[in-house]
Amino acid sequence: MPIVLLGFMGVGKTTTAHLLNLPVYDMDHIIEERIGMPIADYFSLEGEASFRQLETEVLKELLDLPSNCIVSTGGGVIKSEVNRELLLANREDNVLLTASFEVSYQRIRKDRQSQRPLFLQCSKEEFEALYRERMALYQGLADTVIDTDKLIPEQVARKILCK
């Protein structure tokens, strides 16, 4: 099974994945290729439920890949109980990247290239509630947990390669 990077938005999953010198399968990019539009647009047109169903299909496919690759998940992949069960079966190969709420919030706010629908729709207080809800769901899904608050992406990548 592949190494699967988990974590809330803004923890550095995509950036770190590309530093690991292994083939990278970024779930958000794969989904955008399939739907032919940015996820934010799909969210607006089809709704979150439709997006989450598609996300589950992609996750199932990616978990069947060989072990010499990286899967970078979307921040909300753990919202689905089916996805959590799939990820739990892969627990020893999962890496949970964490960051404090404030660090995650500032990283997302400064990321001008990314249009994250849930970030754009929420007040800071609502976004913090979402963060806390999701952080609770991540618990137990990975044997390796790395706090990225004070690490640069290269340090995070090194920790993953040494696990």
Protein backbone atom coordinates (compact mmCIF):
# COMPACT_ATOMS: atom_id res chain seq x y z
CA MET A 1 0.00 0.00 0.00
CA PRO A 2 1.17 3.55 -0.63
CA ILE A 3 2.24 6.07 2.00
CA VAL A 4 -0.85 8.20 2.59
CA LEU A 5 -0.51 11.76 3.85
CA LEU A 6 -3.42 12.90 6.01
CA GLY A 7 -4.14 16.20 7.69
CA PHE A 8 -6.22 19.34 7.80
CA MET A 9 -5.94 22.02 5.13
CA GLY A 10 -2.71 23.97 5.32
CA VAL A 11 -0.54 21.38 7.06
CA GLY A 12 1.65 20.84 3.98
CA LYS A 13 0.48 17.52 2.54
CA THR A 14 0.91 18.45 -1.12
CA THR A 15 4.14 20.39 -0.64
CA THR A 16 5.69 17.59 1.41
CA ALA A 17 4.53 14.87 -0.98
CA HIS A 18 6.48 16.43 -3.84
CA LEU A 19 9.69 16.44 -1.78
CA LEU A 20 9.71 12.68 -1.16
CA ASN A 21 11.17 11.65 -4.54
CA LEU A 22 8.44 9.09 -5.12
CA PRO A 23 5.50 9.17 -7.54
CA VAL A 24 2.79 11.43 -6.07
CA TYR A 25 -0.94 10.98 -6.47
CA ASP A 26 -2.68 14.12 -5.24
CA MET A 27 -6.34 13.32 -4.68
CA ASP A 28 -7.52 16.88 -5.28
CA HIS A 29 -5.66 17.09 -8.61
CA ILE A 30 -6.95 13.69 -9.72
CA ILE A 31 -10.51 14.70 -8.86
CA GLU A 32 -10.15 18.03 -10.71
CA GLU A 33 -8.90 16.17 -13.80
CA ARG A 34 -11.91 13.83 -13.68
CA ILE A 35 -14.52 16.53 -13.21
CA GLY A 36 -12.85 18.97 -15.58
CA MET A 37 -13.11 21.96 -13.25
CA PRO A 38 -11.77 23.30 -9.97
CA ILE A 39 -13.15 21.59 -6.87
CA ALA A 40 -14.55 24.92 -5.66
CA ASP A 41 -16.71 25.14 -8.81
CA TYR A 42 -17.84 21.51 -8.48
CA PHE A 43 -18.74 22.13 -4.83
CA SER A 44 -20.92 25.07 -5.90
CA LEU A 45 -22.61 23.19 -8.74
CA GLU A 46 -23.01 19.67 -7.33
CA GLY A 47 -22.68 20.08 -3.56
CA GLU A 48 -20.48 18.51 -0.93
CA ALA A 49 -22.24 15.11 -0.90
CA SER A 50 -21.52 14.53 -4.59
CA PHE A 51 -17.90 15.60 -4.10
CA ARG A 52 -17.43 13.28 -1.11
CA GLN A 53 -18.78 10.31 -3.10
CA LEU A 54 -16.27 10.99 -5.87
CA GLU A 55 -13.54 11.39 -3.26
CA THR A 56 -14.31 7.91 -1.87
CA GLU A 57 -14.05 6.35 -5.34
CA VAL A 58 -10.66 7.96 -5.90
CA LEU A 59 -9.39 6.94 -2.44
CA LYS A 60 -10.32 3.28 -3.07
CA GLU A 61 -8.39 3.31 -6.34
CA LEU A 62 -5.33 4.98 -4.82
CA LEU A 63 -5.11 2.64 -1.84
CA ASP A 64 -4.62 -0.22 -4.31
CA LEU A 65 -1.44 1.35 -5.70
CA PRO A 66 1.99 -0.17 -4.94
CA SER A 67 3.91 0.81 -1.83
CA ASN A 68 6.53 2.91 -3.61
CA CYS A 69 4.32 5.98 -4.03
CA ILE A 70 2.68 8.79 -2.08
CA VAL A 71 -1.02 9.63 -1.87
CA SER A 72 -1.79 13.17 -0.74
CA THR A 73 -5.38 13.34 0.48
CA GLY A 74 -7.76 16.25 0.61
CA GLY A 75 -8.32 17.75 4.06
CA GLY A 76 -11.91 16.49 4.29
CA VAL A 77 -11.30 12.90 3.22
CA ILE A 78 -11.98 11.75 6.79
CA LYS A 79 -15.53 13.14 6.86
CA SER A 80 -16.82 9.92 5.34
CA GLU A 81 -17.05 6.89 7.63
CA VAL A 82 -16.28 4.67 4.62
CA ASN A 83 -13.08 6.63 4.00
CA ARG A 84 -12.08 6.40 7.67
CA GLU A 85 -12.52 2.62 7.53
CA LEU A 86 -10.43 2.42 4.36
CA LEU A 87 -7.73 4.56 5.95
CA LEU A 88 -7.78 2.60 9.20
CA ALA A 89 -6.92 -0.55 7.24
CA ASN A 90 -3.86 1.33 5.91
CA ARG A 91 -2.96 2.84 9.31
CA GLU A 92 0.66 1.68 9.42
CA ASP A 93 1.36 3.40 6.10
CA ASN A 94 -0.53 6.60 6.91
CA VAL A 95 1.26 9.75 8.07
CA LEU A 96 -0.81 12.40 9.83
CA LEU A 97 0.58 15.91 9.42
CA THR A 98 -0.70 18.31 12.05
CA ALA A 99 -0.46 22.03 12.74
CA SER A 100 -2.11 24.25 15.30
CA PHE A 101 -5.29 25.97 14.18
CA GLU A 102 -3.63 29.39 13.98
CA VAL A 103 -0.73 28.11 11.85
CA SER A 104 -3.11 26.27 9.50
CA TYR A 105 -5.38 29.29 9.25
CA GLN A 106 -2.53 31.67 8.39
CA ARG A 107 -1.06 29.29 5.81
CA ILE A 108 -4.42 28.95 4.04
CA ARG A 109 -5.10 32.69 4.22
CA LYS A 110 -1.74 33.45 2.60
CA ASP A 111 -2.16 30.83 -0.15
CA ARG A 112 -3.41 32.97 -3.03
CA GLN A 113 -3.30 30.08 -5.53
CA SER A 114 -5.76 27.89 -3.68
CA GLN A 115 -9.50 28.50 -3.61
CA ARG A 116 -10.63 26.31 -0.71
CA PRO A 117 -14.44 26.37 -0.69
CA LEU A 118 -14.91 25.64 3.00
CA PHE A 119 -12.36 28.29 3.98
CA LEU A 120 -14.01 30.89 1.76
CA GLN A 121 -17.50 30.18 3.13
CA CYS A 122 -16.68 30.31 6.87
CA SER A 123 -15.89 32.92 9.46
CA LYS A 124 -12.69 32.30 11.41
CA GLU A 125 -14.75 30.93 14.32
CA GLU A 126 -16.68 28.54 12.06
CA PHE A 127 -13.43 27.45 10.44
CA GLU A 128 -11.91 26.73 13.85
CA ALA A 129 -14.93 24.58 14.72
CA LEU A 130 -14.39 22.67 11.45
CA TYR A 131 -10.71 22.25 12.34
CA ARG A 132 -11.54 20.82 15.78
CA GLU A 133 -14.19 18.49 14.34
CA ARG A 134 -11.81 17.11 11.72
CA MET A 135 -8.83 16.81 14.06
CA ALA A 136 -10.96 14.51 16.23
CA LEU A 137 -11.71 12.35 13.17
CA TYR A 138 -8.01 12.02 12.25
CA GLN A 139 -7.16 10.47 15.61
CA GLY A 140 -6.14 6.82 15.34
CA LEU A 141 -5.87 6.77 11.55
CA ALA A 142 -2.06 6.97 11.39
CA ASP A 143 0.78 5.35 13.31
CA THR A 144 3.04 8.27 12.42
CA VAL A 145 2.07 11.82 13.45
CA ILE A 146 4.24 14.84 12.59
CA ASP A 147 3.59 18.34 13.95
CA THR A 148 4.49 20.78 11.14
CA ASP A 149 4.10 24.02 13.11
CA LYS A 150 7.83 24.72 13.38
CA LEU A 151 9.16 22.58 10.55
CA ILE A 152 9.90 23.49 6.97
CA PRO A 153 8.59 21.05 4.34
CA GLU A 154 12.05 19.52 3.79
CA GLN A 155 12.24 18.60 7.49
CA VAL A 156 8.79 17.02 7.35
CA ALA A 157 9.81 15.01 4.28
CA ARG A 158 12.97 13.80 6.04
CA LYS A 159 10.92 12.61 9.02
CA ILE A 160 8.61 10.65 6.72
CA LEU A 161 11.51 9.02 4.87
CA CYS A 162 13.10 8.00 8.20
CA LYS A 163 9.95 6.33 9.55
